[in-house]
Amino acid sequence: MHVVVVQHGLKNSKPCKHCIEAMKNVGIAKVTYSTGFADDPFKTEKVKHIENEWVSSLEKSVENGTFLYRRRKRTNKQFSGTLASPDPSRVSDLSHDIT
């Protein structure tokens, strides 16, 4: 399976270390992501060769208990859950949705 990750405006979309681990766990072989560079906007790599120690700010805020999400306009509630890589045994086959 091959995944494509792109942010609006072609910002850098290289997967974080947790996303890389999740892709390895579910058997994704390649990922193409936007680089944020106009002269070379996309990069394709084999998931097993990607290295990235970056952790998203969302992940950091959930881990340290400071993540706030909007329930209703002007109302924030603190999130106390955890984020984890998906369990490969519970991931459905999405290959029919990929073109």
C-alpha atoms as a PDB file:
ATOM      1  CA  MET A   1       0.000   0.000   0.000  1.00  0.00           C
ATOM      2  CA  HIS A   2       1.168   3.535  -0.778  1.00  0.00           C
ATOM      3  CA  VAL A   3      -0.017   6.590   1.225  1.00  0.00           C
ATOM      4  CA  VAL A   4       0.054  10.236   0.070  1.00  0.00           C
ATOM      5  CA  VAL A   5       0.149  13.020   2.706  1.00  0.00           C
ATOM      6  CA  VAL A   6      -0.286  16.661   1.648  1.00  0.00           C
ATOM      7  CA  GLN A   7      -1.090  19.778   3.653  1.00  0.00           C
ATOM      8  CA  HIS A   8      -2.870  22.821   2.248  1.00  0.00           C
ATOM      9  CA  GLY A   9      -0.310  25.014   0.562  1.00  0.00           C
ATOM     10  CA  LEU A  10       2.078  22.060   0.170  1.00  0.00           C
ATOM     11  CA  LYS A  11       3.600  22.605   3.609  1.00  0.00           C
ATOM     12  CA  ASN A  12       6.048  20.057   5.009  1.00  0.00           C
ATOM     13  CA  SER A  13       3.995  16.910   5.667  1.00  0.00           C
ATOM     14  CA  LYS A  14       6.719  14.410   6.545  1.00  0.00           C
ATOM     15  CA  PRO A  15       5.145  11.918   8.947  1.00  0.00           C
ATOM     16  CA  CYS A  16       6.109  12.185  12.635  1.00  0.00           C
ATOM     17  CA  LYS A  17       7.804   9.281  14.401  1.00  0.00           C
ATOM     18  CA  HIS A  18       4.478   7.951  15.726  1.00  0.00           C
ATOM     19  CA  CYS A  19       2.878   8.005  12.269  1.00  0.00           C
ATOM     20  CA  ILE A  20       5.896   6.235  10.799  1.00  0.00           C
ATOM     21  CA  GLU A  21       5.622   3.517  13.439  1.00  0.00           C
ATOM     22  CA  ALA A  22       1.877   3.165  12.791  1.00  0.00           C
ATOM     23  CA  MET A  23       2.468   2.833   9.032  1.00  0.00           C
ATOM     24  CA  LYS A  24       5.084   0.135   9.661  1.00  0.00           C
ATOM     25  CA  ASN A  25       2.663  -1.718  11.958  1.00  0.00           C
ATOM     26  CA  VAL A  26      -0.118  -1.842   9.351  1.00  0.00           C
ATOM     27  CA  GLY A  27       2.177  -2.753   6.462  1.00  0.00           C
ATOM     28  CA  ILE A  28       2.291   0.462   4.430  1.00  0.00           C
ATOM     29  CA  ALA A  29       5.292   0.173   2.117  1.00  0.00           C
ATOM     30  CA  LYS A  30       5.686   3.715   0.713  1.00  0.00           C
ATOM     31  CA  VAL A  31       4.622   7.225   1.605  1.00  0.00           C
ATOM     32  CA  THR A  32       4.661  10.353  -0.560  1.00  0.00           C
ATOM     33  CA  TYR A  33       4.531  13.675   1.284  1.00  0.00           C
ATOM     34  CA  SER A  34       4.805  17.363   0.507  1.00  0.00           C
ATOM     35  CA  THR A  35       8.190  18.827   1.424  1.00  0.00           C
ATOM     36  CA  GLY A  36       7.420  22.540   1.655  1.00  0.00           C
ATOM     37  CA  PHE A  37      10.041  23.334  -1.006  1.00  0.00           C
ATOM     38  CA  ALA A  38       8.906  24.877  -4.312  1.00  0.00           C
ATOM     39  CA  ASP A  39      11.770  23.351  -6.308  1.00  0.00           C
ATOM     40  CA  ASP A  40      11.041  19.801  -5.030  1.00  0.00           C
ATOM     41  CA  PRO A  41       7.465  19.775  -3.679  1.00  0.00           C
ATOM     42  CA  PHE A  42       7.036  16.000  -3.149  1.00  0.00           C
ATOM     43  CA  LYS A  43       9.176  13.174  -1.834  1.00  0.00           C
ATOM     44  CA  THR A  44       8.457   9.433  -1.906  1.00  0.00           C
ATOM     45  CA  GLU A  45      10.191   7.137   0.560  1.00  0.00           C
ATOM     46  CA  LYS A  46       9.944   3.547   1.665  1.00  0.00           C
ATOM     47  CA  VAL A  47       8.423   3.579   5.142  1.00  0.00           C
ATOM     48  CA  LYS A  48      11.112   1.236   6.475  1.00  0.00           C
ATOM     49  CA  HIS A  49      13.777   3.835   5.532  1.00  0.00           C
ATOM     50  CA  ILE A  50      12.126   6.999   6.875  1.00  0.00           C
ATOM     51  CA  GLU A  51      13.740   8.544   9.928  1.00  0.00           C
ATOM     52  CA  ASN A  52      12.120  11.352  11.854  1.00  0.00           C
ATOM     53  CA  GLU A  53      12.286  12.096  15.582  1.00  0.00           C
ATOM     54  CA  TRP A  54       9.750  14.929  15.340  1.00  0.00           C
ATOM     55  CA  VAL A  55       6.588  14.636  17.450  1.00  0.00           C
ATOM     56  CA  SER A  56       3.601  16.809  16.547  1.00  0.00           C
ATOM     57  CA  SER A  57       2.477  19.584  18.876  1.00  0.00           C
ATOM     58  CA  LEU A  58      -0.881  17.794  19.185  1.00  0.00           C
ATOM     59  CA  GLU A  59       0.834  14.629  20.404  1.00  0.00           C
ATOM     60  CA  LYS A  60       2.955  16.618  22.871  1.00  0.00           C
ATOM     61  CA  SER A  61      -0.078  18.457  24.280  1.00  0.00           C
ATOM     62  CA  VAL A  62      -2.020  15.203  24.723  1.00  0.00           C
ATOM     63  CA  GLU A  63       0.943  13.524  26.420  1.00  0.00           C
ATOM     64  CA  ASN A  64       1.406  16.352  28.920  1.00  0.00           C
ATOM     65  CA  GLY A  65      -2.339  16.864  29.503  1.00  0.00           C
ATOM     66  CA  THR A  66      -2.620  20.388  28.113  1.00  0.00           C
ATOM     67  CA  PHE A  67      -4.630  19.628  24.961  1.00  0.00           C
ATOM     68  CA  LEU A  68      -7.786  21.727  24.736  1.00  0.00           C
ATOM     69  CA  TYR A  69     -10.504  21.053  22.220  1.00  0.00           C
ATOM     70  CA  ARG A  70     -13.588  23.072  21.367  1.00  0.00           C
ATOM     71  CA  ARG A  71     -16.843  21.480  22.341  1.00  0.00           C
ATOM     72  CA  ARG A  72     -18.955  24.480  21.568  1.00  0.00           C
ATOM     73  CA  LYS A  73     -18.134  27.991  20.568  1.00  0.00           C
ATOM     74  CA  ARG A  74     -16.035  29.650  23.301  1.00  0.00           C
ATOM     75  CA  THR A  75     -16.037  26.538  25.462  1.00  0.00           C
ATOM     76  CA  ASN A  76     -12.851  24.556  25.991  1.00  0.00           C
ATOM     77  CA  LYS A  77     -12.579  21.247  27.778  1.00  0.00           C
ATOM     78  CA  GLN A  78      -9.347  19.525  28.699  1.00  0.00           C
ATOM     79  CA  PHE A  79      -8.647  16.165  27.045  1.00  0.00           C
ATOM     80  CA  SER A  80      -7.217  13.479  29.317  1.00  0.00           C
ATOM     81  CA  GLY A  81      -6.980  10.566  26.869  1.00  0.00           C
ATOM     82  CA  THR A  82      -3.966   9.164  25.100  1.00  0.00           C
ATOM     83  CA  LEU A  83      -3.032   8.721  21.468  1.00  0.00           C
ATOM     84  CA  ALA A  84      -1.679   5.396  20.284  1.00  0.00           C
ATOM     85  CA  SER A  85      -0.710   3.671  17.079  1.00  0.00           C
ATOM     86  CA  PRO A  86      -3.608   1.739  15.577  1.00  0.00           C
ATOM     87  CA  ASP A  87      -3.865  -1.948  16.383  1.00  0.00           C
ATOM     88  CA  PRO A  88      -3.084  -3.730  13.062  1.00  0.00           C
ATOM     89  CA  SER A  89      -5.656  -6.423  13.852  1.00  0.00           C
ATOM     90  CA  ARG A  90      -8.414  -3.785  13.954  1.00  0.00           C
ATOM     91  CA  VAL A  91      -7.493  -1.892  10.760  1.00  0.00           C
ATOM     92  CA  SER A  92      -9.747  -2.693   7.835  1.00  0.00           C
ATOM     93  CA  ASP A  93      -8.546  -3.195   4.289  1.00  0.00           C
ATOM     94  CA  LEU A  94      -8.891   0.190   2.570  1.00  0.00           C
ATOM     95  CA  SER A  95      -7.268  -0.851  -0.695  1.00  0.00           C
ATOM     96  CA  HIS A  96     -10.620  -0.652  -2.485  1.00  0.00           C
ATOM     97  CA  ASP A  97     -10.744   3.104  -1.659  1.00  0.00           C
ATOM     98  CA  ILE A  98      -7.293   3.867  -3.049  1.00  0.00           C
ATOM     99  CA  THR A  99      -7.041   4.916  -6.674  1.00  0.00           C
END
